[in-house]
Amino acid sequence: MKKYLFCGALFIFCCYWLLSAYDALKTTNYEFNGLVQKVTPPSGQYKIITVNNKDFDLEWIRWYDDLYTIEVGDSVIKKKGTQWMDIIKKR
């Protein structure tokens, strides 16, 4: 019985890890450049922003200065193949 419990827990951990890796890869392929039209309050830990009428989850995306919070009207630039995003604050 303990063998099956260990194998089941290991299987669940591997599935969780693979899904997390897939989400990270998916967000690495995001590419956007424009004004933030909407910032959705996080249902979990991370915000969702709308740029050019498309929603982007910020869970795996990082920006250079973490002191900034993203607001409506800020310009954001993210290139495909990287996790980094640039924020240009509105004045």
C-alpha atoms as a PDB file:
ATOM      1  CA  MET A   1       0.000   0.000   0.000  1.00  0.00           C
ATOM      2  CA  LYS A   2       2.832   2.412   0.846  1.00  0.00           C
ATOM      3  CA  LYS A   3       4.382   1.723  -2.542  1.00  0.00           C
ATOM      4  CA  TYR A   4       1.224   2.849  -4.348  1.00  0.00           C
ATOM      5  CA  LEU A   5       0.909   5.919  -2.162  1.00  0.00           C
ATOM      6  CA  PHE A   6       4.501   6.925  -2.941  1.00  0.00           C
ATOM      7  CA  CYS A   7       4.044   6.287  -6.685  1.00  0.00           C
ATOM      8  CA  GLY A   8       0.796   8.262  -6.717  1.00  0.00           C
ATOM      9  CA  ALA A   9       2.367  11.216  -4.894  1.00  0.00           C
ATOM     10  CA  LEU A  10       5.347  11.123  -7.259  1.00  0.00           C
ATOM     11  CA  PHE A  11       3.013  11.055 -10.274  1.00  0.00           C
ATOM     12  CA  ILE A  12       1.036  14.062  -8.990  1.00  0.00           C
ATOM     13  CA  PHE A  13       4.261  15.986  -8.323  1.00  0.00           C
ATOM     14  CA  CYS A  14       5.552  15.257 -11.845  1.00  0.00           C
ATOM     15  CA  CYS A  15       2.255  16.353 -13.411  1.00  0.00           C
ATOM     16  CA  TYR A  16       2.310  19.575 -11.393  1.00  0.00           C
ATOM     17  CA  TRP A  17       5.918  20.259 -12.399  1.00  0.00           C
ATOM     18  CA  LEU A  18       5.202  19.596 -16.098  1.00  0.00           C
ATOM     19  CA  LEU A  19       2.157  21.895 -16.096  1.00  0.00           C
ATOM     20  CA  SER A  20       4.176  24.651 -14.403  1.00  0.00           C
ATOM     21  CA  ALA A  21       6.957  24.260 -16.969  1.00  0.00           C
ATOM     22  CA  TYR A  22       4.371  24.448 -19.771  1.00  0.00           C
ATOM     23  CA  ASP A  23       2.917  27.674 -18.339  1.00  0.00           C
ATOM     24  CA  ALA A  24       6.393  29.203 -18.085  1.00  0.00           C
ATOM     25  CA  LEU A  25       7.171  28.247 -21.685  1.00  0.00           C
ATOM     26  CA  LYS A  26       3.835  29.621 -22.860  1.00  0.00           C
ATOM     27  CA  THR A  27       4.446  33.006 -21.240  1.00  0.00           C
ATOM     28  CA  THR A  28       7.980  33.103 -22.640  1.00  0.00           C
ATOM     29  CA  ASN A  29       6.386  33.083 -26.095  1.00  0.00           C
ATOM     30  CA  TYR A  30       4.225  36.144 -25.319  1.00  0.00           C
ATOM     31  CA  GLU A  31       5.079  39.232 -27.336  1.00  0.00           C
ATOM     32  CA  PHE A  32       3.396  42.564 -26.834  1.00  0.00           C
ATOM     33  CA  ASN A  33       4.077  46.261 -27.186  1.00  0.00           C
ATOM     34  CA  GLY A  34       1.543  48.913 -26.253  1.00  0.00           C
ATOM     35  CA  LEU A  35      -0.440  50.659 -23.575  1.00  0.00           C
ATOM     36  CA  VAL A  36      -1.951  48.791 -20.660  1.00  0.00           C
ATOM     37  CA  GLN A  37      -5.705  49.068 -21.157  1.00  0.00           C
ATOM     38  CA  LYS A  38      -6.805  47.172 -18.067  1.00  0.00           C
ATOM     39  CA  VAL A  39      -5.256  45.676 -14.937  1.00  0.00           C
ATOM     40  CA  THR A  40      -7.283  42.885 -13.419  1.00  0.00           C
ATOM     41  CA  PRO A  41      -6.835  42.426  -9.688  1.00  0.00           C
ATOM     42  CA  PRO A  42      -5.197  39.115  -8.971  1.00  0.00           C
ATOM     43  CA  SER A  43      -7.505  36.216  -8.275  1.00  0.00           C
ATOM     44  CA  GLY A  44      -4.458  34.390  -7.019  1.00  0.00           C
ATOM     45  CA  GLN A  45      -1.088  36.004  -6.571  1.00  0.00           C
ATOM     46  CA  TYR A  46      -0.442  37.561  -9.990  1.00  0.00           C
ATOM     47  CA  LYS A  47      -2.176  40.260 -12.003  1.00  0.00           C
ATOM     48  CA  ILE A  48      -3.557  39.978 -15.516  1.00  0.00           C
ATOM     49  CA  ILE A  49      -3.013  42.931 -17.860  1.00  0.00           C
ATOM     50  CA  THR A  50      -4.775  43.736 -21.107  1.00  0.00           C
ATOM     51  CA  VAL A  51      -2.613  45.087 -23.945  1.00  0.00           C
ATOM     52  CA  ASN A  52      -3.974  45.524 -27.481  1.00  0.00           C
ATOM     53  CA  ASN A  53      -7.227  43.796 -26.426  1.00  0.00           C
ATOM     54  CA  LYS A  54      -5.411  40.613 -25.315  1.00  0.00           C
ATOM     55  CA  ASP A  55      -4.989  39.377 -21.743  1.00  0.00           C
ATOM     56  CA  PHE A  56      -1.567  38.414 -20.405  1.00  0.00           C
ATOM     57  CA  ASP A  57      -0.924  36.681 -17.088  1.00  0.00           C
ATOM     58  CA  LEU A  58       2.112  38.090 -15.257  1.00  0.00           C
ATOM     59  CA  GLU A  59       2.891  34.968 -13.233  1.00  0.00           C
ATOM     60  CA  TRP A  60       6.113  34.122 -15.079  1.00  0.00           C
ATOM     61  CA  ILE A  61       6.894  37.580 -16.508  1.00  0.00           C
ATOM     62  CA  ARG A  62       9.436  39.755 -14.735  1.00  0.00           C
ATOM     63  CA  TRP A  63      10.275  43.430 -15.140  1.00  0.00           C
ATOM     64  CA  TYR A  64      13.528  45.197 -14.467  1.00  0.00           C
ATOM     65  CA  ASP A  65      12.411  47.418 -11.609  1.00  0.00           C
ATOM     66  CA  ASP A  66      10.110  45.505  -9.286  1.00  0.00           C
ATOM     67  CA  LEU A  67       9.378  48.690  -7.359  1.00  0.00           C
ATOM     68  CA  TYR A  68       6.918  49.725 -10.065  1.00  0.00           C
ATOM     69  CA  THR A  69       3.356  48.570 -10.017  1.00  0.00           C
ATOM     70  CA  ILE A  70       1.659  48.296 -13.368  1.00  0.00           C
ATOM     71  CA  GLU A  71      -1.174  50.763 -13.895  1.00  0.00           C
ATOM     72  CA  VAL A  72      -3.577  51.572 -16.698  1.00  0.00           C
ATOM     73  CA  GLY A  73      -1.888  53.874 -19.215  1.00  0.00           C
ATOM     74  CA  ASP A  74       1.646  52.529 -18.711  1.00  0.00           C
ATOM     75  CA  SER A  75       3.507  51.364 -21.799  1.00  0.00           C
ATOM     76  CA  VAL A  76       4.839  47.821 -21.730  1.00  0.00           C
ATOM     77  CA  ILE A  77       7.182  46.024 -24.093  1.00  0.00           C
ATOM     78  CA  LYS A  78       7.904  42.299 -24.030  1.00  0.00           C
ATOM     79  CA  LYS A  79       9.830  40.463 -26.700  1.00  0.00           C
ATOM     80  CA  LYS A  80       9.221  36.857 -27.609  1.00  0.00           C
ATOM     81  CA  GLY A  81      11.634  34.356 -26.097  1.00  0.00           C
ATOM     82  CA  THR A  82      12.391  36.206 -22.878  1.00  0.00           C
ATOM     83  CA  GLN A  83      10.713  36.498 -19.492  1.00  0.00           C
ATOM     84  CA  TRP A  84      11.626  40.172 -19.080  1.00  0.00           C
ATOM     85  CA  MET A  85       9.256  43.056 -19.722  1.00  0.00           C
ATOM     86  CA  ASP A  86       9.988  46.787 -19.848  1.00  0.00           C
ATOM     87  CA  ILE A  87       7.612  49.275 -18.233  1.00  0.00           C
ATOM     88  CA  ILE A  88       7.483  52.916 -19.246  1.00  0.00           C
ATOM     89  CA  LYS A  89       5.430  54.744 -16.648  1.00  0.00           C
ATOM     90  CA  LYS A  90       2.798  57.258 -17.676  1.00  0.00           C
ATOM     91  CA  ARG A  91       3.474  60.825 -16.626  1.00  0.00           C
END
